[in-house]
């Protein structure tokens, strides 16, 4: 039996329990990087784009990169340890593993990946930012968190995110 995905409130409690500072701004739902650009002046830091991909052996990866970065999907498998070229994961797996819908994909979804089905990749360029901005499990808000705290959060969920240069 699967448990219901955690909510934003569950996420915020988890962060609070870890002593991780975070700030969340609610806004109309945004489904694309282009739609979220209007928020840049209000929310400082690195803004993310997330690619949920899988290889032919059904190994799943979440690539979290800076919003304008380019990822070469034909070659990224050589960088992330995938068994083959990658393709996008299905929405059903996104919900099953990370507890989110397409358009709300976030590194913070690690809180829902209790079975450790997903390898999380944080792009090295993104991690140069002191503050990283992610959806708090839904696309109607943006949560700002320190880059080192994002790694601490992921480790507290049982994941060891890989910080790799995966962008062009």
Protein backbone atom coordinates (compact mmCIF):
# COMPACT_ATOMS: atom_id res chain seq x y z
CA UNK A 1 0.00 0.00 0.00
CA UNK A 2 1.39 3.39 -0.91
CA UNK A 3 1.09 6.32 1.43
CA UNK A 4 -0.21 9.68 0.33
CA UNK A 5 2.50 12.11 -0.77
CA UNK A 6 3.67 14.60 1.81
CA UNK A 7 2.26 18.12 1.61
CA UNK A 8 4.04 21.46 1.61
CA UNK A 9 3.21 21.75 5.32
CA UNK A 10 4.86 18.37 5.96
CA UNK A 11 7.89 19.59 4.02
CA UNK A 12 8.11 22.85 6.00
CA UNK A 13 7.86 20.93 9.31
CA UNK A 14 10.65 18.61 8.15
CA UNK A 15 12.85 21.60 7.27
CA UNK A 16 12.04 23.27 10.60
CA UNK A 17 12.91 20.07 12.49
CA UNK A 18 16.29 20.07 10.72
CA UNK A 19 16.83 23.72 11.67
CA UNK A 20 16.93 24.70 8.00
CA UNK A 21 15.90 28.26 7.21
CA UNK A 22 13.45 28.55 4.34
CA UNK A 23 11.15 31.18 2.95
CA UNK A 24 8.15 30.54 0.73
CA UNK A 25 6.29 32.94 -1.50
CA UNK A 26 2.92 31.91 -2.91
CA UNK A 27 1.99 32.97 -6.44
CA UNK A 28 -0.33 31.91 -9.26
CA UNK A 29 0.56 28.43 -10.56
CA UNK A 30 3.44 28.40 -13.04
CA UNK A 31 3.99 25.46 -15.35
CA UNK A 32 7.07 26.56 -17.28
CA UNK A 33 10.26 28.47 -16.69
CA UNK A 34 8.93 31.17 -19.04
CA UNK A 35 5.86 31.70 -16.85
CA UNK A 36 7.96 31.98 -13.72
CA UNK A 37 10.26 34.71 -15.04
CA UNK A 38 7.94 37.42 -13.69
CA UNK A 39 8.87 36.32 -10.16
CA UNK A 40 12.61 36.97 -10.57
CA UNK A 41 12.53 40.50 -9.17
CA UNK A 42 10.66 39.31 -6.08
CA UNK A 43 12.64 36.16 -5.35
CA UNK A 44 16.47 36.36 -5.39
CA UNK A 45 18.79 33.40 -5.93
CA UNK A 46 19.12 30.55 -8.39
CA UNK A 47 15.87 29.42 -9.98
CA UNK A 48 15.55 25.80 -11.00
CA UNK A 49 14.48 23.69 -13.91
CA UNK A 50 13.98 19.98 -13.21
CA UNK A 51 14.25 17.08 -15.64
CA UNK A 52 12.83 13.74 -14.49
CA UNK A 53 14.50 11.13 -16.68
CA UNK A 54 15.10 7.38 -16.81
CA UNK A 55 17.40 4.98 -18.57
CA UNK A 56 16.50 1.71 -20.30
CA UNK A 57 16.99 -0.22 -17.04
CA UNK A 58 14.36 1.95 -15.32
CA UNK A 59 16.89 3.82 -13.22
CA UNK A 60 15.36 7.22 -12.50
CA UNK A 61 17.19 10.53 -12.14
CA UNK A 62 16.14 14.06 -11.28
CA UNK A 63 18.39 16.68 -12.84
CA UNK A 64 18.03 20.02 -11.09
CA UNK A 65 19.69 22.79 -13.07
CA UNK A 66 19.56 26.58 -13.33
CA UNK A 67 16.40 27.63 -15.16
CA UNK A 68 18.11 28.81 -18.36
CA UNK A 69 20.70 26.04 -18.52
CA UNK A 70 20.83 23.61 -21.42
CA UNK A 71 21.12 19.87 -20.79
CA UNK A 72 22.15 17.64 -23.70
CA UNK A 73 19.83 14.66 -23.27
CA UNK A 74 21.80 12.70 -25.89
CA UNK A 75 24.98 12.71 -23.78
CA UNK A 76 24.01 13.44 -20.16
CA UNK A 77 23.81 9.71 -19.39
CA UNK A 78 27.61 9.56 -19.59
CA UNK A 79 27.85 12.12 -16.78
CA UNK A 80 25.20 10.78 -14.39
CA UNK A 81 25.97 7.06 -14.48
CA UNK A 82 22.89 5.98 -16.42
CA UNK A 83 22.92 2.60 -18.17
CA UNK A 84 21.84 4.12 -21.48
CA UNK A 85 20.66 7.34 -23.05
CA UNK A 86 17.85 8.82 -20.99
CA UNK A 87 14.26 9.68 -21.81
CA UNK A 88 11.66 11.52 -19.78
CA UNK A 89 9.99 9.56 -16.99
CA UNK A 90 6.25 9.07 -17.09
CA UNK A 91 3.94 11.27 -14.96
CA UNK A 92 2.77 8.17 -13.04
CA UNK A 93 6.33 7.48 -11.85
CA UNK A 94 6.80 11.15 -11.02
CA UNK A 95 3.80 10.95 -8.70
CA UNK A 96 4.74 7.54 -7.33
CA UNK A 97 8.35 8.45 -6.54
CA UNK A 98 8.35 12.21 -5.88
CA UNK A 99 4.70 12.87 -5.05
CA UNK A 100 4.34 15.65 -7.61
CA UNK A 101 2.58 16.36 -10.90
CA UNK A 102 4.33 17.54 -14.08
CA UNK A 103 4.87 21.29 -13.73
CA UNK A 104 5.59 20.93 -10.01
CA UNK A 105 8.77 18.86 -10.25
CA UNK A 106 11.24 19.79 -7.53
CA UNK A 107 14.36 18.56 -5.78
CA UNK A 108 12.29 18.88 -2.58
CA UNK A 109 10.33 15.87 -3.85
CA UNK A 110 13.12 13.81 -2.26
CA UNK A 111 10.96 13.88 0.88
CA UNK A 112 8.51 11.54 -0.89
CA UNK A 113 11.10 9.14 -2.34
CA UNK A 114 11.18 6.89 0.71
CA UNK A 115 12.23 3.85 -1.36
CA UNK A 116 15.23 5.70 -2.88
CA UNK A 117 14.07 5.11 -6.45
CA UNK A 118 15.53 8.35 -7.77
CA UNK A 119 19.13 9.56 -8.04
CA UNK A 120 19.24 13.33 -7.51
CA UNK A 121 21.70 15.36 -9.58
CA UNK A 122 22.30 19.00 -8.66
CA UNK A 123 24.09 20.93 -11.38
CA UNK A 124 27.39 22.39 -10.19
CA UNK A 125 26.62 25.78 -11.79
CA UNK A 126 23.29 26.01 -9.95
CA UNK A 127 25.00 25.18 -6.67
CA UNK A 128 27.21 28.28 -7.04
CA UNK A 129 24.15 30.27 -5.91
CA UNK A 130 23.88 30.88 -2.19
CA UNK A 131 20.08 30.54 -2.38
CA UNK A 132 18.25 27.93 -4.46
CA UNK A 133 14.55 28.33 -5.32
CA UNK A 134 12.34 25.25 -5.70
CA UNK A 135 8.65 24.45 -5.77
CA UNK A 136 7.48 23.17 -2.37
CA UNK A 137 5.78 20.13 -4.01
CA UNK A 138 3.32 22.33 -5.94
CA UNK A 139 3.77 25.01 -8.57
CA UNK A 140 1.79 27.74 -6.79
CA UNK A 141 4.67 28.70 -4.51
CA UNK A 142 8.45 29.04 -4.50
CA UNK A 143 10.59 28.05 -1.54
CA UNK A 144 14.01 29.62 -1.10
CA UNK A 145 16.62 27.52 0.71
CA UNK A 146 20.39 27.79 1.11
CA UNK A 147 22.34 25.61 -1.35
CA UNK A 148 24.19 23.82 1.47
CA UNK A 149 20.88 23.38 3.29
CA UNK A 150 19.36 21.80 0.18
CA UNK A 151 22.06 19.13 0.33
CA UNK A 152 21.51 18.72 4.08
CA UNK A 153 17.76 18.29 3.46
CA UNK A 154 18.37 15.65 0.78
CA UNK A 155 20.80 13.75 3.01
CA UNK A 156 18.18 13.82 5.80
CA UNK A 157 15.75 12.10 3.39
CA UNK A 158 18.33 9.35 2.84
CA UNK A 159 19.62 10.61 -0.51
CA UNK A 160 23.16 11.54 -1.44
CA UNK A 161 22.73 14.09 -4.21
CA UNK A 162 25.45 14.22 -6.82
CA UNK A 163 26.74 17.71 -7.59
CA UNK A 164 27.87 17.45 -11.21
CA UNK A 165 28.30 19.77 -14.17
CA UNK A 166 25.53 18.47 -16.44
CA UNK A 167 24.77 21.63 -18.40
CA UNK A 168 26.29 23.01 -21.59
